[in-house]
Amino acid sequence: TFISEEDEKKAIDFYKGNLYLYDTRNGFKLEDIIGGFEDGLKRGCDVFLLDNGMLLDLETNNELLEQRDNTERLRQWAKHNQVVVFLILHARKVEYGRIRLSEYDIAGSSNIPNKGTTIMSITRTDLLNPNTKEYKDYQKLLELNKINLEECDAIIEVVKEKNGRCGFVPLKWYESTKTYREVYNKEN
């Protein structure tokens, strides 16, 4: 398990029973994860998070095909159960200095973005170099969306949305509560 039993209890207490943690000792095969999701579903969960989707144990030698099939099985399971599944994936290596990611920067099978309904990227602003052209272009783009980059600690960008529009969610880190909260744009 990735967290201690004591930390698991603290998290469950903090979320007042609204959090179900899958015990990773039960396995990393997709069937194991879906079994854990089924347990969560029985407890009333309707939002599921799988981090990191690339850590699933594969059963064949065709990694990309299995990633595609696993993503499709998760999508179908979510649709059938009318729940949301967040599949956390990491970006493949992109050129140095590039800030914005697209749906095609996801590591693994190129079919994964085709299966997703919504794809988001997260940018930590403390890792950006303000002396680059890319930073200045990003800053201008955010200003067009009424977002002040200097007020943000992270930015979520919706890069693909099948049922709506793409956009940005600026976030500020609050050390006292150890949480991010939305930074409201200049219009609010």
N, C-alpha and C. Protein backbone atom coordinates (compact mmCIF):
# COMPACT_ATOMS: atom_id res chain seq x y z
N THR A 1 0.85 -1.18 0.00
CA THR A 1 0.00 0.00 0.00
C THR A 1 0.89 1.24 0.00
N PHE A 2 0.46 2.32 -0.62
CA PHE A 2 1.29 3.50 -0.76
C PHE A 2 1.19 4.45 0.41
N ILE A 3 0.16 4.31 1.26
CA ILE A 3 0.06 5.14 2.45
C ILE A 3 -0.10 4.23 3.66
N SER A 4 0.30 4.73 4.80
CA SER A 4 0.20 3.92 6.02
C SER A 4 -1.26 3.78 6.42
N GLU A 5 -1.54 2.78 7.22
CA GLU A 5 -2.91 2.59 7.71
C GLU A 5 -3.36 3.79 8.53
N GLU A 6 -2.41 4.39 9.28
CA GLU A 6 -2.74 5.58 10.08
C GLU A 6 -3.15 6.74 9.18
N ASP A 7 -2.39 6.97 8.08
CA ASP A 7 -2.73 8.05 7.16
C ASP A 7 -4.04 7.76 6.43
N GLU A 8 -4.28 6.48 6.13
CA GLU A 8 -5.55 6.12 5.49
C GLU A 8 -6.71 6.46 6.41
N LYS A 9 -6.60 6.14 7.68
CA LYS A 9 -7.66 6.45 8.64
C LYS A 9 -7.88 7.96 8.76
N LYS A 10 -6.78 8.71 8.79
CA LYS A 10 -6.89 10.18 8.86
C LYS A 10 -7.63 10.72 7.64
N ALA A 11 -7.30 10.20 6.45
CA ALA A 11 -7.95 10.67 5.22
C ALA A 11 -9.44 10.33 5.24
N ILE A 12 -9.77 9.13 5.64
CA ILE A 12 -11.19 8.72 5.69
C ILE A 12 -11.94 9.56 6.71
N ASP A 13 -11.33 9.81 7.87
CA ASP A 13 -11.96 10.66 8.89
C ASP A 13 -12.15 12.08 8.37
N PHE A 14 -11.11 12.61 7.69
CA PHE A 14 -11.18 13.98 7.17
C PHE A 14 -12.33 14.12 6.16
N TYR A 15 -12.50 13.11 5.31
CA TYR A 15 -13.55 13.17 4.28
C TYR A 15 -14.88 12.61 4.78
N LYS A 16 -14.97 12.34 6.07
CA LYS A 16 -16.21 11.95 6.74
C LYS A 16 -16.93 10.80 6.03
N GLY A 17 -16.17 9.77 5.68
CA GLY A 17 -16.77 8.60 5.04
C GLY A 17 -17.02 8.75 3.56
N ASN A 18 -16.68 9.88 2.97
CA ASN A 18 -16.89 10.11 1.55
C ASN A 18 -15.68 9.73 0.71
N LEU A 19 -14.81 8.94 1.27
CA LEU A 19 -13.60 8.52 0.56
C LEU A 19 -13.44 7.03 0.74
N TYR A 20 -13.21 6.33 -0.38
CA TYR A 20 -12.92 4.92 -0.32
C TYR A 20 -11.57 4.72 -0.99
N LEU A 21 -10.64 4.10 -0.28
CA LEU A 21 -9.31 3.86 -0.82
C LEU A 21 -9.16 2.39 -1.16
N TYR A 22 -8.76 2.12 -2.38
CA TYR A 22 -8.51 0.76 -2.83
C TYR A 22 -7.21 0.27 -2.21
N ASP A 23 -7.23 -0.92 -1.68
CA ASP A 23 -6.03 -1.50 -1.08
C ASP A 23 -5.19 -2.11 -2.19
N THR A 24 -4.05 -1.50 -2.48
CA THR A 24 -3.22 -1.95 -3.59
C THR A 24 -2.66 -3.34 -3.39
N ARG A 25 -2.75 -3.87 -2.18
CA ARG A 25 -2.31 -5.25 -1.96
C ARG A 25 -3.23 -6.24 -2.66
N ASN A 26 -4.40 -5.76 -3.11
CA ASN A 26 -5.35 -6.62 -3.83
C ASN A 26 -4.97 -6.81 -5.30
N GLY A 27 -3.97 -6.09 -5.78
CA GLY A 27 -3.49 -6.31 -7.14
C GLY A 27 -3.59 -5.09 -8.04
N PHE A 28 -2.83 -5.16 -9.13
CA PHE A 28 -2.76 -4.05 -10.08
C PHE A 28 -3.26 -4.42 -11.47
N LYS A 29 -3.93 -5.55 -11.59
CA LYS A 29 -4.54 -5.91 -12.87
C LYS A 29 -5.84 -5.13 -13.00
N LEU A 30 -6.27 -4.88 -14.22
CA LEU A 30 -7.49 -4.11 -14.44
C LEU A 30 -8.68 -4.75 -13.73
N GLU A 31 -8.76 -6.07 -13.76
CA GLU A 31 -9.87 -6.75 -13.07
C GLU A 31 -9.85 -6.45 -11.57
N ASP A 32 -8.65 -6.39 -10.98
CA ASP A 32 -8.53 -6.06 -9.56
C ASP A 32 -9.03 -4.64 -9.28
N ILE A 33 -8.61 -3.71 -10.13
CA ILE A 33 -9.00 -2.30 -9.96
C ILE A 33 -10.51 -2.15 -10.12
N ILE A 34 -11.07 -2.78 -11.15
CA ILE A 34 -12.52 -2.69 -11.34
C ILE A 34 -13.24 -3.32 -10.16
N GLY A 35 -12.69 -4.42 -9.61
CA GLY A 35 -13.28 -5.00 -8.40
C GLY A 35 -13.27 -4.01 -7.25
N GLY A 36 -12.17 -3.26 -7.10
CA GLY A 36 -12.11 -2.21 -6.08
C GLY A 36 -13.11 -1.10 -6.35
N PHE A 37 -13.26 -0.74 -7.63
CA PHE A 37 -14.26 0.27 -7.99
C PHE A 37 -15.67 -0.23 -7.65
N GLU A 38 -15.91 -1.52 -7.90
CA GLU A 38 -17.23 -2.10 -7.57
C GLU A 38 -17.49 -1.99 -6.07
N ASP A 39 -16.47 -2.26 -5.26
CA ASP A 39 -16.61 -2.10 -3.81
C ASP A 39 -16.96 -0.65 -3.46
N GLY A 40 -16.28 0.29 -4.11
CA GLY A 40 -16.57 1.71 -3.88
C GLY A 40 -17.98 2.07 -4.32
N LEU A 41 -18.41 1.51 -5.44
CA LEU A 41 -19.75 1.76 -5.95
C LEU A 41 -20.80 1.31 -4.93
N LYS A 42 -20.58 0.15 -4.33
CA LYS A 42 -21.51 -0.36 -3.30
C LYS A 42 -21.57 0.57 -2.09
N ARG A 43 -20.49 1.32 -1.85
CA ARG A 43 -20.44 2.25 -0.71
C ARG A 43 -20.94 3.65 -1.09
N GLY A 44 -21.42 3.79 -2.33
CA GLY A 44 -21.99 5.06 -2.76
C GLY A 44 -21.05 5.98 -3.51
N CYS A 45 -19.86 5.52 -3.87
CA CYS A 45 -18.93 6.36 -4.63
C CYS A 45 -19.47 6.59 -6.03
N ASP A 46 -19.30 7.80 -6.52
CA ASP A 46 -19.66 8.07 -7.92
C ASP A 46 -18.54 8.80 -8.66
N VAL A 47 -17.42 9.03 -8.00
CA VAL A 47 -16.23 9.59 -8.63
C VAL A 47 -15.05 8.69 -8.24
N PHE A 48 -14.32 8.25 -9.25
CA PHE A 48 -13.20 7.34 -9.04
C PHE A 48 -11.95 7.93 -9.66
N LEU A 49 -10.82 7.68 -9.02
CA LEU A 49 -9.54 8.21 -9.49
C LEU A 49 -8.54 7.06 -9.54
N LEU A 50 -7.93 6.87 -10.70
CA LEU A 50 -6.91 5.84 -10.86
C LEU A 50 -5.60 6.53 -11.22
N ASP A 51 -4.67 6.51 -10.28
CA ASP A 51 -3.38 7.18 -10.45
C ASP A 51 -2.28 6.17 -10.16
N ASN A 52 -1.61 5.79 -11.05
CA ASN A 52 -1.31 6.16 -12.41
C ASN A 52 -1.78 5.02 -13.31
N GLY A 53 -2.52 5.35 -14.35
CA GLY A 53 -3.07 4.36 -15.25
C GLY A 53 -2.03 3.51 -15.95
N MET A 54 -0.82 3.98 -16.03
CA MET A 54 0.24 3.22 -16.69
C MET A 54 0.87 2.17 -15.77
N LEU A 55 0.46 2.14 -14.50
CA LEU A 55 1.02 1.16 -13.57
C LEU A 55 0.23 -0.14 -13.52
N LEU A 56 -0.84 -0.22 -14.30
CA LEU A 56 -1.61 -1.46 -14.34
C LEU A 56 -0.73 -2.60 -14.82
N ASP A 57 -0.88 -3.75 -14.17
CA ASP A 57 -0.17 -4.95 -14.64
C ASP A 57 -0.78 -5.38 -15.96
N LEU A 58 0.07 -5.58 -16.96
CA LEU A 58 -0.41 -5.99 -18.28
C LEU A 58 -0.34 -7.50 -18.39
N GLU A 59 -1.26 -8.04 -19.17
CA GLU A 59 -1.34 -9.49 -19.31
C GLU A 59 -0.86 -9.99 -20.66
N THR A 60 -0.50 -9.09 -21.56
CA THR A 60 -0.01 -9.49 -22.88
C THR A 60 1.31 -8.77 -23.14
N ASN A 61 1.93 -9.10 -24.25
CA ASN A 61 3.17 -8.43 -24.65
C ASN A 61 2.91 -7.19 -25.50
N ASN A 62 1.64 -6.96 -25.87
CA ASN A 62 1.31 -5.80 -26.70
C ASN A 62 0.82 -4.67 -25.79
N GLU A 63 1.78 -3.92 -25.26
CA GLU A 63 1.49 -2.89 -24.25
C GLU A 63 0.51 -1.83 -24.77
N LEU A 64 0.71 -1.32 -25.97
CA LEU A 64 -0.14 -0.25 -26.48
C LEU A 64 -1.57 -0.73 -26.73
N LEU A 65 -1.72 -1.93 -27.27
CA LEU A 65 -3.05 -2.48 -27.49
C LEU A 65 -3.77 -2.70 -26.16
N GLU A 66 -3.06 -3.20 -25.17
CA GLU A 66 -3.68 -3.44 -23.87
C GLU A 66 -4.04 -2.12 -23.18
N GLN A 67 -3.20 -1.10 -23.32
CA GLN A 67 -3.54 0.21 -22.76
C GLN A 67 -4.83 0.74 -23.39
N ARG A 68 -4.94 0.60 -24.70
CA ARG A 68 -6.15 1.04 -25.40
C ARG A 68 -7.36 0.28 -24.88
N ASP A 69 -7.24 -1.05 -24.79
CA ASP A 69 -8.36 -1.87 -24.35
C ASP A 69 -8.74 -1.58 -22.89
N ASN A 70 -7.74 -1.40 -22.03
CA ASN A 70 -8.01 -1.07 -20.63
C ASN A 70 -8.75 0.25 -20.51
N THR A 71 -8.32 1.24 -21.29
CA THR A 71 -8.98 2.55 -21.27
C THR A 71 -10.43 2.42 -21.73
N GLU A 72 -10.65 1.64 -22.76
CA GLU A 72 -12.02 1.44 -23.26
C GLU A 72 -12.86 0.71 -22.22
N ARG A 73 -12.31 -0.29 -21.54
CA ARG A 73 -13.07 -1.02 -20.51
C ARG A 73 -13.43 -0.09 -19.36
N LEU A 74 -12.50 0.78 -18.95
CA LEU A 74 -12.81 1.74 -17.88
C LEU A 74 -13.89 2.71 -18.33
N ARG A 75 -13.80 3.17 -19.58
CA ARG A 75 -14.80 4.11 -20.12
C ARG A 75 -16.18 3.45 -20.13
N GLN A 76 -16.25 2.21 -20.59
CA GLN A 76 -17.53 1.51 -20.65
C GLN A 76 -18.08 1.24 -19.24
N TRP A 77 -17.19 0.89 -18.31
CA TRP A 77 -17.62 0.66 -16.93
C TRP A 77 -18.21 1.94 -16.34
N ALA A 78 -17.54 3.06 -16.55
CA ALA A 78 -18.03 4.34 -16.04
C ALA A 78 -19.38 4.70 -16.66
N LYS A 79 -19.48 4.52 -17.96
CA LYS A 79 -20.74 4.83 -18.65
C LYS A 79 -21.88 3.94 -18.14
N HIS A 80 -21.61 2.65 -18.02
CA HIS A 80 -22.62 1.70 -17.55
C HIS A 80 -23.10 2.04 -16.14
N ASN A 81 -22.17 2.46 -15.29
CA ASN A 81 -22.51 2.74 -13.89
C ASN A 81 -22.83 4.21 -13.63
N GLN A 82 -22.80 5.02 -14.69
CA GLN A 82 -23.09 6.45 -14.60
C GLN A 82 -22.26 7.13 -13.52
N VAL A 83 -20.95 6.91 -13.61
CA VAL A 83 -19.99 7.50 -12.68
C VAL A 83 -18.88 8.18 -13.48
N VAL A 84 -18.02 8.88 -12.78
CA VAL A 84 -16.87 9.54 -13.39
C VAL A 84 -15.61 8.79 -12.97
N VAL A 85 -14.76 8.49 -13.94
CA VAL A 85 -13.46 7.89 -13.65
C VAL A 85 -12.39 8.84 -14.15
N PHE A 86 -11.56 9.33 -13.23
CA PHE A 86 -10.40 10.12 -13.60
C PHE A 86 -9.23 9.16 -13.75
N LEU A 87 -8.70 9.07 -14.94
CA LEU A 87 -7.54 8.23 -15.21
C LEU A 87 -6.33 9.15 -15.32
N ILE A 88 -5.47 9.09 -14.32
CA ILE A 88 -4.29 9.95 -14.28
C ILE A 88 -3.20 9.31 -15.13
N LEU A 89 -2.71 10.06 -16.09
CA LEU A 89 -1.63 9.61 -16.97
C LEU A 89 -0.57 10.70 -17.00
N HIS A 90 0.61 10.33 -17.38
CA HIS A 90 1.68 11.30 -17.45
C HIS A 90 2.00 11.63 -18.90
N ALA A 91 2.64 12.75 -19.09
CA ALA A 91 2.98 13.19 -20.44
C ALA A 91 4.25 12.49 -20.91
N ARG A 92 4.28 12.25 -22.21
CA ARG A 92 5.53 11.77 -22.79
C ARG A 92 6.51 12.93 -22.76
N LYS A 93 7.74 12.69 -23.00
CA LYS A 93 8.74 13.76 -22.99
C LYS A 93 8.43 14.74 -24.13
N VAL A 94 8.38 16.02 -23.79
CA VAL A 94 8.16 17.07 -24.79
C VAL A 94 9.40 17.94 -24.85
N GLU A 95 9.48 18.77 -25.88
CA GLU A 95 10.68 19.59 -26.03
C GLU A 95 10.86 20.52 -24.84
N TYR A 96 12.11 20.76 -24.51
CA TYR A 96 12.48 21.58 -23.35
C TYR A 96 11.86 22.97 -23.47
N GLY A 97 11.30 23.43 -22.37
CA GLY A 97 10.74 24.78 -22.32
C GLY A 97 9.29 24.87 -22.72
N ARG A 98 8.73 23.83 -23.30
CA ARG A 98 7.33 23.87 -23.72
C ARG A 98 6.44 23.81 -22.48
N ILE A 99 5.45 24.69 -22.42
CA ILE A 99 4.59 24.79 -21.25
C ILE A 99 3.27 24.04 -21.46
N ARG A 100 2.59 24.32 -22.53
CA ARG A 100 1.25 23.75 -22.73
C ARG A 100 1.34 22.37 -23.36
N LEU A 101 0.50 21.48 -22.83
CA LEU A 101 0.42 20.13 -23.36
C LEU A 101 -0.89 19.97 -24.12
N SER A 102 -0.87 19.09 -25.09
CA SER A 102 -2.11 18.78 -25.81
C SER A 102 -2.52 17.36 -25.46
N GLU A 103 -3.68 16.95 -25.94
CA GLU A 103 -4.15 15.59 -25.68
C GLU A 103 -3.21 14.55 -26.29
N TYR A 104 -2.41 14.95 -27.26
CA TYR A 104 -1.51 14.01 -27.94
C TYR A 104 -0.17 13.85 -27.23
N ASP A 105 0.01 14.54 -26.11
CA ASP A 105 1.24 14.44 -25.33
C ASP A 105 1.14 13.38 -24.24
N ILE A 106 0.03 12.66 -24.17
CA ILE A 106 -0.14 11.60 -23.17
C ILE A 106 0.78 10.44 -23.53
N ALA A 107 1.51 9.96 -22.54
CA ALA A 107 2.38 8.81 -22.77
C ALA A 107 1.53 7.56 -22.99
N GLY A 108 2.06 6.63 -23.77
CA GLY A 108 1.35 5.38 -24.00
C GLY A 108 0.65 5.37 -25.34
N SER A 109 -0.40 4.58 -25.42
CA SER A 109 -1.13 4.39 -26.68
C SER A 109 -1.75 5.69 -27.16
N SER A 110 -1.62 5.93 -28.46
CA SER A 110 -2.22 7.15 -29.04
C SER A 110 -3.73 7.05 -29.07
N ASN A 111 -4.29 5.88 -28.79
CA ASN A 111 -5.74 5.71 -28.75
C ASN A 111 -6.35 6.19 -27.44
N ILE A 112 -5.55 6.37 -26.41
CA ILE A 112 -6.08 6.79 -25.11
C ILE A 112 -6.82 8.12 -25.22
N PRO A 113 -6.26 9.15 -25.87
CA PRO A 113 -7.01 10.42 -25.97
C PRO A 113 -8.33 10.28 -26.72
N ASN A 114 -8.39 9.35 -27.67
CA ASN A 114 -9.64 9.15 -28.41
C ASN A 114 -10.73 8.58 -27.53
N LYS A 115 -10.36 7.85 -26.50
CA LYS A 115 -11.34 7.22 -25.61
C LYS A 115 -11.85 8.18 -24.54
N GLY A 116 -11.05 9.19 -24.21
CA GLY A 116 -11.41 10.10 -23.13
C GLY A 116 -12.49 11.09 -23.53
N THR A 117 -13.38 11.39 -22.60
CA THR A 117 -14.39 12.42 -22.83
C THR A 117 -13.82 13.80 -22.56
N THR A 118 -13.06 13.90 -21.48
CA THR A 118 -12.43 15.16 -21.09
C THR A 118 -10.97 14.88 -20.81
N ILE A 119 -10.09 15.72 -21.32
CA ILE A 119 -8.67 15.60 -21.04
C ILE A 119 -8.18 16.93 -20.50
N MET A 120 -7.49 16.85 -19.35
CA MET A 120 -6.98 18.05 -18.70
C MET A 120 -5.48 17.90 -18.48
N SER A 121 -4.81 19.04 -18.48
CA SER A 121 -3.39 19.05 -18.09
C SER A 121 -3.25 20.00 -16.91
N ILE A 122 -2.22 19.76 -16.11
CA ILE A 122 -1.96 20.62 -14.96
C ILE A 122 -0.55 21.19 -15.10
N THR A 123 -0.44 22.50 -14.94
CA THR A 123 0.86 23.18 -15.01
C THR A 123 1.14 23.83 -13.68
N ARG A 124 2.26 23.47 -13.08
CA ARG A 124 2.70 24.16 -11.86
C ARG A 124 3.47 25.40 -12.28
N THR A 125 3.04 26.55 -11.80
CA THR A 125 3.65 27.80 -12.25
C THR A 125 5.03 28.03 -11.66
N ASP A 126 5.34 27.40 -10.51
CA ASP A 126 6.66 27.59 -9.92
C ASP A 126 7.76 26.92 -10.73
N LEU A 127 7.39 26.07 -11.67
CA LEU A 127 8.38 25.40 -12.52
C LEU A 127 8.62 26.12 -13.84
N LEU A 128 7.90 27.21 -14.06
CA LEU A 128 8.01 27.94 -15.32
C LEU A 128 9.12 28.98 -15.25
N ASN A 129 9.79 29.17 -16.37
CA ASN A 129 10.84 30.19 -16.47
C ASN A 129 10.24 31.46 -17.08
N PRO A 130 10.08 32.52 -16.28
CA PRO A 130 9.43 33.74 -16.78
C PRO A 130 10.25 34.50 -17.82
N ASN A 131 11.47 34.08 -18.08
CA ASN A 131 12.33 34.79 -19.04
C ASN A 131 12.24 34.22 -20.45
N THR A 132 11.31 33.29 -20.68
CA THR A 132 11.23 32.67 -22.01
C THR A 132 10.07 33.24 -22.81
N LYS A 133 10.17 33.09 -24.12
CA LYS A 133 9.10 33.52 -25.02
C LYS A 133 7.85 32.68 -24.76
N GLU A 134 8.02 31.40 -24.52
CA GLU A 134 6.89 30.50 -24.25
C GLU A 134 6.10 30.99 -23.04
N TYR A 135 6.80 31.43 -21.98
CA TYR A 135 6.14 31.94 -20.78
C TYR A 135 5.35 33.20 -21.12
N LYS A 136 5.97 34.11 -21.84
CA LYS A 136 5.30 35.37 -22.19
C LYS A 136 4.07 35.12 -23.07
N ASP A 137 4.17 34.16 -24.00
CA ASP A 137 3.02 33.80 -24.84
C ASP A 137 1.90 33.19 -23.99
N TYR A 138 2.28 32.35 -23.04
CA TYR A 138 1.32 31.72 -22.14
C TYR A 138 0.63 32.78 -21.29
N GLN A 139 1.42 33.72 -20.79
CA GLN A 139 0.89 34.82 -19.97
C GLN A 139 -0.14 35.63 -20.77
N LYS A 140 0.16 35.92 -22.03
CA LYS A 140 -0.77 36.67 -22.88
C LYS A 140 -2.06 35.89 -23.12
N LEU A 141 -1.92 34.59 -23.38
CA LEU A 141 -3.09 33.75 -23.60
C LEU A 141 -3.98 33.75 -22.35
N LEU A 142 -3.38 33.62 -21.19
CA LEU A 142 -4.15 33.63 -19.95
C LEU A 142 -4.81 34.99 -19.72
N GLU A 143 -4.10 36.07 -20.04
CA GLU A 143 -4.69 37.41 -19.89
C GLU A 143 -5.91 37.58 -20.78
N LEU A 144 -5.88 36.98 -21.98
CA LEU A 144 -7.05 37.02 -22.86
C LEU A 144 -8.23 36.30 -22.19
N ASN A 145 -7.94 35.36 -21.32
CA ASN A 145 -8.96 34.64 -20.56
C ASN A 145 -9.18 35.24 -19.18
N LYS A 146 -8.66 36.46 -19.00
CA LYS A 146 -8.82 37.23 -17.76
C LYS A 146 -8.21 36.53 -16.55
N ILE A 147 -7.04 35.90 -16.76
CA ILE A 147 -6.33 35.20 -15.70
C ILE A 147 -4.96 35.84 -15.54
N ASN A 148 -4.61 36.20 -14.31
CA ASN A 148 -3.30 36.76 -14.01
C ASN A 148 -2.38 35.61 -13.57
N LEU A 149 -1.43 35.27 -14.41
CA LEU A 149 -0.52 34.16 -14.14
C LEU A 149 0.23 34.35 -12.83
N GLU A 150 0.54 35.58 -12.48
CA GLU A 150 1.31 35.87 -11.26
C GLU A 150 0.52 35.49 -9.99
N GLU A 151 -0.80 35.39 -10.08
CA GLU A 151 -1.63 35.06 -8.92
C GLU A 151 -1.87 33.56 -8.78
N CYS A 152 -1.33 32.78 -9.72
CA CYS A 152 -1.63 31.34 -9.77
C CYS A 152 -0.44 30.50 -9.33
N ASP A 153 -0.73 29.42 -8.62
CA ASP A 153 0.29 28.43 -8.27
C ASP A 153 0.22 27.23 -9.20
N ALA A 154 -0.93 27.04 -9.83
CA ALA A 154 -1.11 25.97 -10.80
C ALA A 154 -2.27 26.35 -11.71
N ILE A 155 -2.28 25.75 -12.89
CA ILE A 155 -3.37 26.00 -13.83
C ILE A 155 -3.80 24.67 -14.44
N ILE A 156 -5.08 24.39 -14.34
CA ILE A 156 -5.64 23.24 -15.04
C ILE A 156 -6.14 23.75 -16.38
N GLU A 157 -5.75 23.07 -17.44
CA GLU A 157 -6.27 23.42 -18.76
C GLU A 157 -7.06 22.24 -19.29
N VAL A 158 -8.31 22.49 -19.64
CA VAL A 158 -9.12 21.48 -20.31
C VAL A 158 -8.73 21.55 -21.78
N VAL A 159 -8.02 20.51 -22.24
CA VAL A 159 -7.49 20.53 -23.61
C VAL A 159 -8.40 19.79 -24.59
N LYS A 160 -9.33 18.97 -24.04
CA LYS A 160 -10.31 18.29 -24.87
C LYS A 160 -11.57 18.11 -24.05
N GLU A 161 -12.70 18.41 -24.66
CA GLU A 161 -13.99 18.23 -24.00
C GLU A 161 -15.01 17.91 -25.08
N LYS A 162 -15.49 16.67 -25.10
CA LYS A 162 -16.43 16.25 -26.13
C LYS A 162 -17.79 16.90 -25.99
N ASN A 163 -18.17 17.26 -24.77
CA ASN A 163 -19.52 17.76 -24.53
C ASN A 163 -19.57 19.22 -24.10
N GLY A 164 -18.53 19.96 -24.32
CA GLY A 164 -18.51 21.35 -23.87
C GLY A 164 -17.35 22.09 -24.48
N ARG A 165 -16.84 23.06 -23.72
CA ARG A 165 -15.75 23.86 -24.25
C ARG A 165 -14.49 23.69 -23.42
N CYS A 166 -13.38 24.00 -24.04
CA CYS A 166 -12.09 23.93 -23.35
C CYS A 166 -11.85 25.25 -22.63
N GLY A 167 -10.89 25.27 -21.73
CA GLY A 167 -10.59 26.49 -21.01
C GLY A 167 -9.60 26.25 -19.89
N PHE A 168 -9.46 27.24 -19.03
CA PHE A 168 -8.47 27.23 -17.96
C PHE A 168 -9.14 27.36 -16.60
N VAL A 169 -8.54 26.72 -15.60
CA VAL A 169 -8.97 26.88 -14.21
C VAL A 169 -7.72 27.26 -13.42
N PRO A 170 -7.60 28.54 -13.05
CA PRO A 170 -6.43 28.98 -12.27
C PRO A 170 -6.58 28.59 -10.81
N LEU A 171 -5.48 28.13 -10.21
CA LEU A 171 -5.52 27.66 -8.83
C LEU A 171 -4.48 28.34 -7.96
N LYS A 172 -4.81 28.51 -6.71
CA LYS A 172 -3.91 29.07 -5.70
C LYS A 172 -3.77 28.04 -4.59
N TRP A 173 -2.54 27.84 -4.10
CA TRP A 173 -2.27 26.90 -3.02
C TRP A 173 -2.43 27.60 -1.68
N TYR A 174 -3.17 26.97 -0.78
CA TYR A 174 -3.36 27.51 0.57
C TYR A 174 -2.67 26.55 1.55
N GLU A 175 -1.55 26.99 2.04
CA GLU A 175 -0.73 26.15 2.93
C GLU A 175 -1.49 25.76 4.19
N SER A 176 -2.30 26.67 4.73
CA SER A 176 -2.99 26.41 6.00
C SER A 176 -3.94 25.22 5.89
N THR A 177 -4.55 25.02 4.73
CA THR A 177 -5.49 23.91 4.56
C THR A 177 -4.93 22.82 3.64
N LYS A 178 -3.74 23.06 3.10
CA LYS A 178 -3.09 22.11 2.18
C LYS A 178 -4.00 21.77 1.00
N THR A 179 -4.64 22.81 0.45
CA THR A 179 -5.54 22.61 -0.68
C THR A 179 -5.33 23.70 -1.73
N TYR A 180 -5.72 23.36 -2.95
CA TYR A 180 -5.80 24.35 -4.01
C TYR A 180 -7.22 24.85 -4.08
N ARG A 181 -7.36 26.13 -4.41
CA ARG A 181 -8.69 26.71 -4.64
C ARG A 181 -8.62 27.55 -5.89
N GLU A 182 -9.75 27.67 -6.53
CA GLU A 182 -9.80 28.43 -7.77
C GLU A 182 -9.53 29.91 -7.50
N VAL A 183 -8.72 30.49 -8.37
CA VAL A 183 -8.48 31.94 -8.36
C VAL A 183 -9.50 32.53 -9.34
N TYR A 184 -10.34 33.38 -8.85
CA TYR A 184 -11.38 33.91 -9.74
C TYR A 184 -10.77 34.92 -10.68
N ASN A 185 -11.27 34.92 -11.93
CA ASN A 185 -10.71 35.79 -12.93
C ASN A 185 -11.07 37.25 -12.66
N LYS A 186 -10.52 38.12 -13.47
CA LYS A 186 -10.64 39.57 -13.25
C LYS A 186 -12.09 40.07 -13.32
N GLU A 187 -12.98 39.31 -13.96
CA GLU A 187 -14.37 39.74 -14.07
C GLU A 187 -15.13 39.50 -12.78
N ASN A 188 -14.70 38.52 -11.97
CA ASN A 188 -15.45 38.15 -10.76
C ASN A 188 -15.09 39.02 -9.61
